Amino acid sequence: MNQHLEIEFKNILTKEEFQLLVQNFSVKKTDFTYQENHYFDTPQFSLKENESALRIRHKKGNYELTLKQPAKEGLLETNQLLSKEEAHSLLQGSRIPNGDIATLIGEMGIHSDVQFFGTLATNRAEFPYQGGLLVLDHSLYLNTEDFEVEFEVTNTLEGKEIFEKLLKSLQIPIRKTENKVRRFYNAKQKQN
């Protein structure tokens, strides 16, 4: 099973703060990569109720199905590569292909009704920073635009200290920030 633990800190940014980080780290336009996250859930938001999320990420011609579930620390990510045909079939309403992710969703008591909810498109730049990975994201979804910085780490305490020190050094306030899928779902529920 292709799984890993994701520990990350994130902060929503204003456009000006985002541009400040881009300038501070000398990030060029060519450093950004375009990706699409296609989100799925049941009409009753059963995955969300299980604090889980399901997406297909389309990046550089590749498709990856990812299930994120809560873990003691961070999130447990289970990944499954899809062919272009499998991804498009799932986006058109087909069942989740057999594999670890279908099994894990079934173990949550969710056996059908998983459907495509929408797409979140992101221009992303990422680079190593003090033992972790610093990520700058500009996202568009459901008539919403947002800017975010993430810091992916392996050590929670060290990572939090480094991340907060970075924000403080640039005079960026620490803001309670939901992850992308929650922001997407909140926008989706407002539309419904």
N, C-alpha and C. Protein backbone atom coordinates (compact mmCIF):
# COMPACT_ATOMS: atom_id res chain seq x y z
N MET A 1 0.85 -1.18 0.00
CA MET A 1 0.00 0.00 0.00
C MET A 1 0.89 1.23 0.00
N ASN A 2 0.61 2.17 -0.88
CA ASN A 2 1.39 3.40 -1.00
C ASN A 2 0.82 4.44 -0.04
N GLN A 3 1.41 4.52 1.18
CA GLN A 3 0.92 5.45 2.20
C GLN A 3 2.08 6.24 2.79
N HIS A 4 1.77 7.46 3.22
CA HIS A 4 2.74 8.22 3.99
C HIS A 4 2.01 9.21 4.90
N LEU A 5 2.71 9.62 5.94
CA LEU A 5 2.16 10.58 6.89
C LEU A 5 2.48 11.98 6.42
N GLU A 6 1.46 12.84 6.40
CA GLU A 6 1.64 14.23 5.98
C GLU A 6 1.53 15.12 7.21
N ILE A 7 2.63 15.81 7.54
CA ILE A 7 2.63 16.79 8.62
C ILE A 7 2.94 18.13 7.98
N GLU A 8 1.99 19.06 8.06
CA GLU A 8 2.23 20.34 7.43
C GLU A 8 1.56 21.45 8.23
N PHE A 9 2.15 22.61 8.10
CA PHE A 9 1.60 23.84 8.69
C PHE A 9 1.21 24.72 7.52
N LYS A 10 0.12 25.45 7.68
CA LYS A 10 -0.36 26.27 6.57
C LYS A 10 -0.89 27.58 7.10
N ASN A 11 -0.84 28.58 6.24
CA ASN A 11 -1.33 29.90 6.60
C ASN A 11 -1.92 30.53 5.34
N ILE A 12 -3.16 30.97 5.44
CA ILE A 12 -3.79 31.69 4.34
C ILE A 12 -3.12 33.06 4.26
N LEU A 13 -2.98 33.58 3.06
CA LEU A 13 -2.27 34.83 2.84
C LEU A 13 -3.11 35.81 2.06
N THR A 14 -2.81 37.08 2.21
CA THR A 14 -3.34 38.08 1.28
C THR A 14 -2.49 37.99 0.02
N LYS A 15 -2.97 38.59 -1.05
CA LYS A 15 -2.20 38.60 -2.30
C LYS A 15 -0.86 39.31 -2.08
N GLU A 16 -0.86 40.37 -1.29
CA GLU A 16 0.37 41.13 -1.02
C GLU A 16 1.37 40.28 -0.22
N GLU A 17 0.88 39.53 0.76
CA GLU A 17 1.77 38.66 1.56
C GLU A 17 2.35 37.54 0.69
N PHE A 18 1.53 37.01 -0.20
CA PHE A 18 1.98 35.97 -1.13
C PHE A 18 3.12 36.52 -2.00
N GLN A 19 2.91 37.73 -2.54
CA GLN A 19 3.93 38.34 -3.38
C GLN A 19 5.20 38.64 -2.58
N LEU A 20 5.05 38.98 -1.30
CA LEU A 20 6.21 39.21 -0.43
C LEU A 20 7.03 37.93 -0.29
N LEU A 21 6.37 36.79 -0.09
CA LEU A 21 7.08 35.50 0.01
C LEU A 21 7.75 35.15 -1.32
N VAL A 22 7.05 35.38 -2.43
CA VAL A 22 7.62 35.12 -3.76
C VAL A 22 8.90 35.93 -3.93
N GLN A 23 8.85 37.22 -3.57
CA GLN A 23 10.04 38.08 -3.70
C GLN A 23 11.13 37.66 -2.72
N ASN A 24 10.76 37.37 -1.48
CA ASN A 24 11.72 37.02 -0.45
C ASN A 24 12.55 35.78 -0.83
N PHE A 25 11.91 34.82 -1.50
CA PHE A 25 12.60 33.58 -1.87
C PHE A 25 13.00 33.56 -3.34
N SER A 26 12.90 34.71 -4.01
CA SER A 26 13.29 34.83 -5.43
C SER A 26 12.64 33.76 -6.30
N VAL A 27 11.35 33.54 -6.09
CA VAL A 27 10.61 32.56 -6.88
C VAL A 27 10.21 33.21 -8.21
N LYS A 28 10.53 32.51 -9.30
CA LYS A 28 10.21 33.02 -10.64
C LYS A 28 8.90 32.40 -11.12
N LYS A 29 8.27 33.02 -12.11
CA LYS A 29 7.03 32.48 -12.68
C LYS A 29 7.23 31.05 -13.16
N THR A 30 8.41 30.78 -13.70
CA THR A 30 8.69 29.44 -14.23
C THR A 30 8.85 28.39 -13.13
N ASP A 31 8.96 28.82 -11.87
CA ASP A 31 9.05 27.89 -10.74
C ASP A 31 7.68 27.33 -10.36
N PHE A 32 6.61 27.94 -10.86
CA PHE A 32 5.26 27.49 -10.53
C PHE A 32 4.81 26.39 -11.48
N THR A 33 4.14 25.39 -10.93
CA THR A 33 3.59 24.29 -11.70
C THR A 33 2.07 24.28 -11.53
N TYR A 34 1.37 24.06 -12.62
CA TYR A 34 -0.10 24.02 -12.58
C TYR A 34 -0.56 22.61 -12.25
N GLN A 35 -1.52 22.51 -11.34
CA GLN A 35 -2.11 21.21 -11.03
C GLN A 35 -3.60 21.38 -10.75
N GLU A 36 -4.34 20.31 -10.93
CA GLU A 36 -5.77 20.31 -10.64
C GLU A 36 -6.07 19.22 -9.63
N ASN A 37 -6.84 19.58 -8.61
CA ASN A 37 -7.36 18.61 -7.65
C ASN A 37 -8.85 18.47 -7.91
N HIS A 38 -9.27 17.27 -8.26
CA HIS A 38 -10.68 16.98 -8.50
C HIS A 38 -11.21 16.26 -7.25
N TYR A 39 -12.16 16.87 -6.56
CA TYR A 39 -12.63 16.35 -5.27
C TYR A 39 -13.91 15.53 -5.42
N PHE A 40 -14.01 14.52 -4.55
CA PHE A 40 -15.13 13.60 -4.55
C PHE A 40 -15.67 13.44 -3.13
N ASP A 41 -16.95 13.19 -3.02
CA ASP A 41 -17.59 12.81 -1.75
C ASP A 41 -18.96 12.27 -2.10
N THR A 42 -19.71 11.87 -1.10
CA THR A 42 -21.10 11.46 -1.32
C THR A 42 -21.97 12.71 -1.21
N PRO A 43 -23.20 12.66 -1.70
CA PRO A 43 -24.08 13.83 -1.56
C PRO A 43 -24.28 14.23 -0.09
N GLN A 44 -24.13 13.27 0.83
CA GLN A 44 -24.28 13.54 2.26
C GLN A 44 -22.96 13.95 2.93
N PHE A 45 -21.90 14.12 2.14
CA PHE A 45 -20.56 14.46 2.66
C PHE A 45 -20.07 13.39 3.65
N SER A 46 -20.25 12.11 3.31
CA SER A 46 -19.86 11.01 4.21
C SER A 46 -18.35 10.97 4.46
N LEU A 47 -17.56 11.25 3.44
CA LEU A 47 -16.11 11.27 3.65
C LEU A 47 -15.74 12.41 4.59
N LYS A 48 -16.31 13.58 4.36
CA LYS A 48 -16.04 14.73 5.22
C LYS A 48 -16.42 14.42 6.66
N GLU A 49 -17.57 13.74 6.86
CA GLU A 49 -18.01 13.37 8.22
C GLU A 49 -17.00 12.44 8.88
N ASN A 50 -16.28 11.66 8.08
CA ASN A 50 -15.22 10.79 8.60
C ASN A 50 -13.88 11.51 8.64
N GLU A 51 -13.91 12.85 8.51
CA GLU A 51 -12.71 13.69 8.50
C GLU A 51 -11.71 13.24 7.44
N SER A 52 -12.24 12.74 6.32
CA SER A 52 -11.43 12.23 5.23
C SER A 52 -11.73 13.02 3.96
N ALA A 53 -10.85 12.87 2.99
CA ALA A 53 -11.03 13.55 1.71
C ALA A 53 -10.50 12.66 0.60
N LEU A 54 -11.16 12.74 -0.56
CA LEU A 54 -10.76 11.95 -1.72
C LEU A 54 -10.59 12.89 -2.90
N ARG A 55 -9.46 12.74 -3.61
CA ARG A 55 -9.21 13.60 -4.76
C ARG A 55 -8.44 12.83 -5.82
N ILE A 56 -8.56 13.32 -7.04
CA ILE A 56 -7.64 12.95 -8.12
C ILE A 56 -6.80 14.19 -8.36
N ARG A 57 -5.47 14.04 -8.31
CA ARG A 57 -4.58 15.16 -8.66
C ARG A 57 -4.06 14.90 -10.07
N HIS A 58 -4.25 15.90 -10.92
CA HIS A 58 -3.73 15.86 -12.29
C HIS A 58 -2.59 16.87 -12.36
N LYS A 59 -1.39 16.35 -12.57
CA LYS A 59 -0.20 17.19 -12.58
C LYS A 59 0.80 16.61 -13.57
N LYS A 60 1.27 17.46 -14.48
CA LYS A 60 2.28 17.07 -15.47
C LYS A 60 1.88 15.79 -16.23
N GLY A 61 0.59 15.69 -16.57
CA GLY A 61 0.12 14.56 -17.36
C GLY A 61 -0.16 13.29 -16.57
N ASN A 62 0.09 13.31 -15.26
CA ASN A 62 -0.15 12.13 -14.42
C ASN A 62 -1.40 12.31 -13.57
N TYR A 63 -2.04 11.19 -13.24
CA TYR A 63 -3.25 11.20 -12.42
C TYR A 63 -3.01 10.32 -11.20
N GLU A 64 -3.31 10.87 -10.02
CA GLU A 64 -3.13 10.11 -8.79
C GLU A 64 -4.36 10.27 -7.91
N LEU A 65 -4.93 9.16 -7.51
CA LEU A 65 -6.06 9.14 -6.59
C LEU A 65 -5.51 9.13 -5.18
N THR A 66 -5.98 10.05 -4.32
CA THR A 66 -5.47 10.15 -2.96
C THR A 66 -6.62 10.20 -1.97
N LEU A 67 -6.52 9.36 -0.94
CA LEU A 67 -7.44 9.39 0.18
C LEU A 67 -6.66 9.91 1.38
N LYS A 68 -7.16 10.99 2.01
CA LYS A 68 -6.54 11.53 3.21
C LYS A 68 -7.44 11.20 4.39
N GLN A 69 -6.82 10.62 5.43
CA GLN A 69 -7.56 10.24 6.63
C GLN A 69 -6.82 10.78 7.85
N PRO A 70 -7.57 11.04 8.94
CA PRO A 70 -6.90 11.53 10.14
C PRO A 70 -5.94 10.49 10.72
N ALA A 71 -4.84 10.99 11.28
CA ALA A 71 -3.86 10.14 11.96
C ALA A 71 -3.57 10.80 13.30
N LYS A 72 -2.86 10.07 14.17
CA LYS A 72 -2.50 10.65 15.47
C LYS A 72 -1.81 11.98 15.30
N GLU A 73 -0.93 12.04 14.32
CA GLU A 73 -0.19 13.26 14.02
C GLU A 73 -0.28 13.49 12.52
N GLY A 74 -0.89 14.58 12.10
CA GLY A 74 -1.01 14.87 10.68
C GLY A 74 -2.11 14.06 10.02
N LEU A 75 -1.92 13.78 8.74
CA LEU A 75 -2.89 13.02 7.95
C LEU A 75 -2.21 11.82 7.32
N LEU A 76 -2.94 10.72 7.23
CA LEU A 76 -2.45 9.54 6.53
C LEU A 76 -2.93 9.64 5.09
N GLU A 77 -1.99 9.66 4.16
CA GLU A 77 -2.31 9.74 2.73
C GLU A 77 -2.10 8.38 2.10
N THR A 78 -3.12 7.89 1.41
CA THR A 78 -3.01 6.67 0.62
C THR A 78 -3.13 7.08 -0.84
N ASN A 79 -2.16 6.68 -1.65
CA ASN A 79 -2.11 7.10 -3.05
C ASN A 79 -2.20 5.91 -3.98
N GLN A 80 -2.86 6.12 -5.12
CA GLN A 80 -3.02 5.08 -6.12
C GLN A 80 -2.94 5.75 -7.50
N LEU A 81 -1.97 5.36 -8.31
CA LEU A 81 -1.86 5.93 -9.65
C LEU A 81 -3.02 5.46 -10.51
N LEU A 82 -3.51 6.36 -11.36
CA LEU A 82 -4.60 6.05 -12.28
C LEU A 82 -4.14 6.30 -13.70
N SER A 83 -4.69 5.55 -14.62
CA SER A 83 -4.48 5.87 -16.03
C SER A 83 -5.37 7.06 -16.36
N LYS A 84 -5.09 7.71 -17.46
CA LYS A 84 -5.92 8.83 -17.91
C LYS A 84 -7.37 8.35 -18.09
N GLU A 85 -7.54 7.16 -18.63
CA GLU A 85 -8.88 6.61 -18.86
C GLU A 85 -9.60 6.36 -17.54
N GLU A 86 -8.90 5.80 -16.55
CA GLU A 86 -9.53 5.56 -15.23
C GLU A 86 -9.94 6.88 -14.58
N ALA A 87 -9.07 7.88 -14.67
CA ALA A 87 -9.37 9.18 -14.07
C ALA A 87 -10.59 9.81 -14.73
N HIS A 88 -10.62 9.82 -16.06
CA HIS A 88 -11.74 10.43 -16.77
C HIS A 88 -13.04 9.66 -16.51
N SER A 89 -12.94 8.35 -16.41
CA SER A 89 -14.11 7.52 -16.11
C SER A 89 -14.67 7.85 -14.73
N LEU A 90 -13.79 8.01 -13.75
CA LEU A 90 -14.22 8.36 -12.39
C LEU A 90 -14.86 9.76 -12.37
N LEU A 91 -14.29 10.69 -13.12
CA LEU A 91 -14.85 12.04 -13.21
C LEU A 91 -16.24 12.03 -13.86
N GLN A 92 -16.49 11.01 -14.71
CA GLN A 92 -17.79 10.90 -15.39
C GLN A 92 -18.80 10.08 -14.58
N GLY A 93 -18.41 9.63 -13.38
CA GLY A 93 -19.38 8.96 -12.51
C GLY A 93 -19.18 7.48 -12.31
N SER A 94 -18.09 6.92 -12.85
CA SER A 94 -17.82 5.50 -12.62
C SER A 94 -17.43 5.24 -11.17
N ARG A 95 -17.47 3.98 -10.80
CA ARG A 95 -17.08 3.59 -9.44
C ARG A 95 -15.57 3.76 -9.25
N ILE A 96 -15.16 3.87 -7.99
CA ILE A 96 -13.74 3.96 -7.67
C ILE A 96 -13.09 2.64 -8.09
N PRO A 97 -11.97 2.71 -8.80
CA PRO A 97 -11.32 1.47 -9.25
C PRO A 97 -10.90 0.61 -8.06
N ASN A 98 -10.90 -0.70 -8.28
CA ASN A 98 -10.46 -1.63 -7.22
C ASN A 98 -9.05 -1.27 -6.78
N GLY A 99 -8.81 -1.46 -5.51
CA GLY A 99 -7.49 -1.18 -4.95
C GLY A 99 -7.62 -0.78 -3.49
N ASP A 100 -6.50 -0.32 -2.94
CA ASP A 100 -6.44 0.02 -1.52
C ASP A 100 -7.43 1.11 -1.13
N ILE A 101 -7.60 2.11 -1.98
CA ILE A 101 -8.48 3.23 -1.64
C ILE A 101 -9.94 2.78 -1.59
N ALA A 102 -10.38 1.99 -2.56
CA ALA A 102 -11.75 1.48 -2.53
C ALA A 102 -11.97 0.64 -1.27
N THR A 103 -10.98 -0.14 -0.89
CA THR A 103 -11.08 -0.96 0.33
C THR A 103 -11.20 -0.09 1.57
N LEU A 104 -10.34 0.94 1.69
CA LEU A 104 -10.38 1.82 2.86
C LEU A 104 -11.70 2.58 2.96
N ILE A 105 -12.23 3.02 1.83
CA ILE A 105 -13.52 3.73 1.83
C ILE A 105 -14.63 2.77 2.25
N GLY A 106 -14.57 1.54 1.77
CA GLY A 106 -15.54 0.52 2.18
C GLY A 106 -15.48 0.25 3.68
N GLU A 107 -14.26 0.27 4.25
CA GLU A 107 -14.10 0.06 5.69
C GLU A 107 -14.73 1.18 6.51
N MET A 108 -14.95 2.35 5.88
CA MET A 108 -15.65 3.45 6.56
C MET A 108 -17.16 3.28 6.47
N GLY A 109 -17.61 2.23 5.77
CA GLY A 109 -19.04 2.02 5.60
C GLY A 109 -19.62 2.77 4.42
N ILE A 110 -18.76 3.27 3.53
CA ILE A 110 -19.20 4.02 2.34
C ILE A 110 -19.01 3.07 1.15
N HIS A 111 -20.13 2.63 0.57
CA HIS A 111 -20.03 1.62 -0.48
C HIS A 111 -20.45 2.11 -1.86
N SER A 112 -21.05 3.28 -1.93
CA SER A 112 -21.45 3.79 -3.24
C SER A 112 -21.69 5.29 -3.12
N ASP A 113 -22.21 5.87 -4.16
CA ASP A 113 -22.60 7.27 -4.14
C ASP A 113 -21.45 8.26 -4.12
N VAL A 114 -20.20 7.79 -4.25
CA VAL A 114 -19.09 8.75 -4.30
C VAL A 114 -19.14 9.40 -5.68
N GLN A 115 -19.18 10.75 -5.68
CA GLN A 115 -19.30 11.45 -6.94
C GLN A 115 -18.40 12.68 -6.98
N PHE A 116 -18.13 13.12 -8.20
CA PHE A 116 -17.28 14.27 -8.45
C PHE A 116 -17.99 15.54 -7.99
N PHE A 117 -17.28 16.36 -7.19
CA PHE A 117 -17.86 17.60 -6.64
C PHE A 117 -17.35 18.85 -7.33
N GLY A 118 -16.13 18.80 -7.85
CA GLY A 118 -15.58 19.99 -8.48
C GLY A 118 -14.07 19.99 -8.46
N THR A 119 -13.52 21.03 -9.05
CA THR A 119 -12.06 21.12 -9.24
C THR A 119 -11.50 22.35 -8.57
N LEU A 120 -10.36 22.17 -7.95
CA LEU A 120 -9.57 23.27 -7.38
C LEU A 120 -8.27 23.29 -8.18
N ALA A 121 -8.01 24.39 -8.86
CA ALA A 121 -6.80 24.53 -9.67
C ALA A 121 -5.78 25.35 -8.91
N THR A 122 -4.53 24.91 -8.93
CA THR A 122 -3.48 25.57 -8.16
C THR A 122 -2.23 25.78 -8.99
N ASN A 123 -1.66 26.97 -8.88
CA ASN A 123 -0.30 27.22 -9.35
C ASN A 123 0.57 27.12 -8.12
N ARG A 124 1.53 26.18 -8.14
CA ARG A 124 2.32 25.84 -6.95
C ARG A 124 3.81 25.95 -7.22
N ALA A 125 4.50 26.58 -6.26
CA ALA A 125 5.97 26.58 -6.25
C ALA A 125 6.38 25.92 -4.94
N GLU A 126 7.36 25.03 -5.01
CA GLU A 126 7.83 24.37 -3.79
C GLU A 126 9.35 24.24 -3.83
N PHE A 127 9.94 24.39 -2.62
CA PHE A 127 11.40 24.35 -2.54
C PHE A 127 11.80 23.99 -1.11
N PRO A 128 13.00 23.40 -0.96
CA PRO A 128 13.47 23.04 0.38
C PRO A 128 13.67 24.28 1.24
N TYR A 129 13.32 24.14 2.53
CA TYR A 129 13.51 25.24 3.47
C TYR A 129 13.72 24.67 4.87
N GLN A 130 14.88 24.88 5.42
CA GLN A 130 15.24 24.49 6.80
C GLN A 130 14.75 23.10 7.18
N GLY A 131 15.09 22.12 6.36
CA GLY A 131 14.79 20.73 6.66
C GLY A 131 13.40 20.28 6.27
N GLY A 132 12.60 21.18 5.68
CA GLY A 132 11.26 20.81 5.23
C GLY A 132 11.05 21.26 3.80
N LEU A 133 9.79 21.33 3.40
CA LEU A 133 9.45 21.77 2.06
C LEU A 133 8.48 22.95 2.19
N LEU A 134 8.88 24.09 1.66
CA LEU A 134 8.03 25.28 1.69
C LEU A 134 7.25 25.33 0.37
N VAL A 135 5.95 25.56 0.47
CA VAL A 135 5.06 25.51 -0.69
C VAL A 135 4.26 26.81 -0.76
N LEU A 136 4.25 27.44 -1.92
CA LEU A 136 3.45 28.64 -2.16
C LEU A 136 2.37 28.27 -3.17
N ASP A 137 1.10 28.46 -2.78
CA ASP A 137 -0.04 28.07 -3.61
C ASP A 137 -0.95 29.24 -3.90
N HIS A 138 -1.31 29.38 -5.17
CA HIS A 138 -2.34 30.33 -5.62
C HIS A 138 -3.43 29.46 -6.22
N SER A 139 -4.61 29.42 -5.57
CA SER A 139 -5.67 28.50 -5.97
C SER A 139 -6.93 29.21 -6.42
N LEU A 140 -7.62 28.57 -7.36
CA LEU A 140 -8.90 29.05 -7.89
C LEU A 140 -9.90 27.90 -7.83
N TYR A 141 -11.10 28.18 -7.27
CA TYR A 141 -12.15 27.15 -7.18
C TYR A 141 -13.48 27.82 -6.87
N LEU A 142 -14.54 27.34 -7.51
CA LEU A 142 -15.90 27.76 -7.21
C LEU A 142 -16.02 29.28 -7.01
N ASN A 143 -15.55 30.04 -7.97
CA ASN A 143 -15.58 31.51 -7.92
C ASN A 143 -14.81 32.09 -6.73
N THR A 144 -13.80 31.37 -6.27
CA THR A 144 -12.98 31.79 -5.14
C THR A 144 -11.52 31.77 -5.56
N GLU A 145 -10.76 32.74 -5.05
CA GLU A 145 -9.32 32.79 -5.27
C GLU A 145 -8.67 32.89 -3.90
N ASP A 146 -7.65 32.07 -3.64
CA ASP A 146 -6.92 32.25 -2.39
C ASP A 146 -5.44 31.98 -2.56
N PHE A 147 -4.69 32.45 -1.56
CA PHE A 147 -3.23 32.35 -1.53
C PHE A 147 -2.85 31.71 -0.21
N GLU A 148 -1.82 30.85 -0.25
CA GLU A 148 -1.48 30.08 0.94
C GLU A 148 0.01 29.74 0.93
N VAL A 149 0.57 29.63 2.14
CA VAL A 149 1.91 29.07 2.29
C VAL A 149 1.76 27.82 3.16
N GLU A 150 2.47 26.76 2.77
CA GLU A 150 2.49 25.51 3.54
C GLU A 150 3.94 25.17 3.84
N PHE A 151 4.13 24.49 4.96
CA PHE A 151 5.45 23.99 5.32
C PHE A 151 5.30 22.53 5.70
N GLU A 152 5.83 21.63 4.86
CA GLU A 152 5.73 20.19 5.08
C GLU A 152 7.00 19.72 5.79
N VAL A 153 6.80 18.98 6.89
CA VAL A 153 7.91 18.58 7.75
C VAL A 153 7.77 17.14 8.21
N THR A 154 8.80 16.65 8.87
CA THR A 154 8.74 15.32 9.48
C THR A 154 8.67 15.42 11.00
N ASN A 155 9.01 16.58 11.56
CA ASN A 155 8.98 16.77 13.01
C ASN A 155 8.03 17.93 13.33
N THR A 156 6.96 17.62 14.05
CA THR A 156 5.91 18.61 14.31
C THR A 156 6.42 19.81 15.10
N LEU A 157 7.12 19.57 16.21
CA LEU A 157 7.55 20.67 17.07
C LEU A 157 8.54 21.59 16.37
N GLU A 158 9.57 21.01 15.76
CA GLU A 158 10.56 21.81 15.03
C GLU A 158 9.91 22.56 13.88
N GLY A 159 9.04 21.87 13.14
CA GLY A 159 8.39 22.47 11.98
C GLY A 159 7.53 23.67 12.36
N LYS A 160 6.78 23.53 13.44
CA LYS A 160 5.92 24.63 13.90
C LYS A 160 6.76 25.84 14.27
N GLU A 161 7.87 25.60 14.97
CA GLU A 161 8.75 26.70 15.40
C GLU A 161 9.36 27.43 14.18
N ILE A 162 9.85 26.66 13.21
CA ILE A 162 10.47 27.24 12.01
C ILE A 162 9.42 28.03 11.21
N PHE A 163 8.23 27.45 11.06
CA PHE A 163 7.17 28.09 10.27
C PHE A 163 6.73 29.41 10.91
N GLU A 164 6.49 29.38 12.21
CA GLU A 164 6.04 30.59 12.89
C GLU A 164 7.11 31.67 12.90
N LYS A 165 8.38 31.25 12.99
CA LYS A 165 9.49 32.21 12.95
C LYS A 165 9.57 32.88 11.57
N LEU A 166 9.34 32.10 10.52
CA LEU A 166 9.34 32.65 9.16
C LEU A 166 8.23 33.70 9.01
N LEU A 167 7.02 33.35 9.43
CA LEU A 167 5.90 34.29 9.31
C LEU A 167 6.17 35.56 10.10
N LYS A 168 6.68 35.39 11.31
CA LYS A 168 6.96 36.55 12.17
C LYS A 168 8.01 37.45 11.52
N SER A 169 9.05 36.84 10.92
CA SER A 169 10.13 37.63 10.32
C SER A 169 9.62 38.49 9.16
N LEU A 170 8.55 38.04 8.51
CA LEU A 170 7.98 38.79 7.38
C LEU A 170 6.73 39.58 7.80
N GLN A 171 6.46 39.60 9.10
CA GLN A 171 5.31 40.32 9.67
C GLN A 171 3.99 39.86 9.05
N ILE A 172 3.88 38.54 8.84
CA ILE A 172 2.64 37.94 8.35
C ILE A 172 1.93 37.32 9.55
N PRO A 173 0.70 37.77 9.84
CA PRO A 173 -0.02 37.22 10.99
C PRO A 173 -0.33 35.73 10.82
N ILE A 174 -0.26 34.99 11.91
CA ILE A 174 -0.64 33.58 11.90
C ILE A 174 -2.16 33.53 11.90
N ARG A 175 -2.72 32.82 10.92
CA ARG A 175 -4.18 32.71 10.79
C ARG A 175 -4.59 31.24 10.85
N LYS A 176 -5.67 30.97 11.55
CA LYS A 176 -6.23 29.61 11.54
C LYS A 176 -6.63 29.33 10.09
N THR A 177 -6.07 28.28 9.52
CA THR A 177 -6.26 27.99 8.10
C THR A 177 -6.74 26.57 7.90
N GLU A 178 -7.90 26.43 7.28
CA GLU A 178 -8.42 25.12 6.92
C GLU A 178 -7.63 24.60 5.72
N ASN A 179 -7.59 23.27 5.55
CA ASN A 179 -6.91 22.75 4.38
C ASN A 179 -7.75 23.00 3.13
N LYS A 180 -7.15 22.77 1.97
CA LYS A 180 -7.80 23.11 0.70
C LYS A 180 -9.15 22.42 0.54
N VAL A 181 -9.20 21.15 0.87
CA VAL A 181 -10.46 20.42 0.65
C VAL A 181 -11.57 20.99 1.54
N ARG A 182 -11.25 21.39 2.76
CA ARG A 182 -12.29 21.99 3.62
C ARG A 182 -12.73 23.35 3.07
N ARG A 183 -11.77 24.12 2.59
CA ARG A 183 -12.13 25.41 1.99
C ARG A 183 -13.02 25.18 0.76
N PHE A 184 -12.65 24.16 -0.03
CA PHE A 184 -13.44 23.81 -1.20
C PHE A 184 -14.85 23.39 -0.78
N TYR A 185 -14.95 22.49 0.20
CA TYR A 185 -16.27 22.01 0.67
C TYR A 185 -17.11 23.14 1.23
N ASN A 186 -16.48 24.04 1.99
CA ASN A 186 -17.23 25.18 2.53
C ASN A 186 -17.82 26.02 1.41
N ALA A 187 -17.03 26.26 0.37
CA ALA A 187 -17.53 27.01 -0.79
C ALA A 187 -18.63 26.24 -1.50
N LYS A 188 -18.47 24.93 -1.61
CA LYS A 188 -19.46 24.07 -2.27
C LYS A 188 -20.78 24.09 -1.50
N GLN A 189 -20.70 23.98 -0.17
CA GLN A 189 -21.93 23.97 0.64
C GLN A 189 -22.64 25.31 0.56
N LYS A 190 -21.89 26.40 0.44
CA LYS A 190 -22.50 27.73 0.30
C LYS A 190 -23.26 27.82 -1.02
N GLN A 191 -22.73 27.14 -2.07
CA GLN A 191 -23.38 27.16 -3.38
C GLN A 191 -24.70 26.37 -3.36
N ASN A 192 -24.72 25.30 -2.54
CA ASN A 192 -25.90 24.39 -2.54
C ASN A 192 -27.08 25.04 -1.92
